[in-house]
Protein backbone atom coordinates (compact mmCIF):
# COMPACT_ATOMS: atom_id res chain seq x y z
CA MET A 1 172.86 -16.62 -185.30
CA GLN A 2 169.96 -17.34 -187.64
CA ASP A 3 168.25 -19.38 -184.94
CA LEU A 4 168.50 -16.50 -182.48
CA LYS A 5 166.99 -14.04 -184.97
CA LEU A 6 164.16 -16.45 -185.76
CA LYS A 7 163.35 -16.90 -182.06
CA PHE A 8 163.41 -13.14 -181.57
CA ILE A 9 161.08 -12.49 -184.51
CA LEU A 10 158.69 -15.28 -183.47
CA SER A 11 158.55 -14.04 -179.88
CA ILE A 12 157.73 -10.51 -181.05
CA LEU A 13 155.00 -11.82 -183.37
CA ALA A 14 153.57 -13.99 -180.59
CA GLY A 15 153.47 -10.97 -178.28
CA ILE A 16 151.68 -8.89 -180.88
CA VAL A 17 149.09 -11.61 -181.54
CA PHE A 18 148.59 -12.20 -177.81
CA SER A 19 148.01 -8.50 -177.11
CA PHE A 20 145.73 -8.20 -180.17
CA VAL A 21 143.51 -10.96 -178.76
CA PHE A 22 143.12 -9.12 -175.47
CA ILE A 23 142.40 -5.84 -177.25
CA LEU A 24 139.64 -7.55 -179.24
CA LEU A 25 138.22 -9.08 -176.06
CA ALA A 26 138.16 -5.67 -174.39
CA PHE A 27 135.95 -4.34 -177.18
CA ALA A 28 133.81 -7.45 -177.53
CA LEU A 29 132.92 -8.03 -173.87
CA PRO A 30 130.54 -5.55 -172.22
CA ILE A 31 131.86 -3.72 -169.17
CA LYS A 32 128.56 -3.54 -167.31
CA ASP A 33 124.96 -4.35 -167.94
CA LYS A 34 122.90 -1.30 -168.84
CA LYS A 35 119.53 -2.88 -168.15
CA GLN A 36 117.75 -1.55 -165.08
CA MET A 37 116.12 -4.07 -162.82
CA VAL A 38 112.57 -3.18 -161.80
CA ILE A 39 111.63 -4.32 -158.31
CA ALA A 40 107.92 -4.56 -157.59
CA LYS A 41 106.65 -2.88 -154.45
CA PRO A 42 106.06 -5.44 -151.66
CA LYS A 43 102.36 -6.07 -151.06
CA GLY A 44 102.09 -8.03 -147.84
CA LYS A 45 103.86 -7.84 -144.48
CA LEU A 46 106.05 -10.88 -145.22
CA GLU A 47 107.12 -9.40 -148.56
CA GLN A 48 108.02 -6.11 -146.83
CA ILE A 49 110.16 -7.94 -144.27
CA SER A 50 111.82 -10.02 -146.95
CA HIS A 51 112.55 -6.92 -149.03
CA ALA A 52 113.96 -5.09 -146.00
CA VAL A 53 116.28 -8.01 -145.19
CA ARG A 54 117.53 -8.30 -148.81
CA THR A 55 118.34 -4.60 -149.21
CA LYS A 56 120.57 -4.36 -146.13
């Protein structure tokens, strides 16, 4: 009976620690990057074509 109680308590503690790690990771890792990427205006004809192909 003691062994069963010990396993039960240890499994509950392991679950709490496991969920605590994921909660900490949710706060530590950024969801999305807030930096805006600036794209320079294409100068030549080849750059315009390349830009048009990439944005499709």
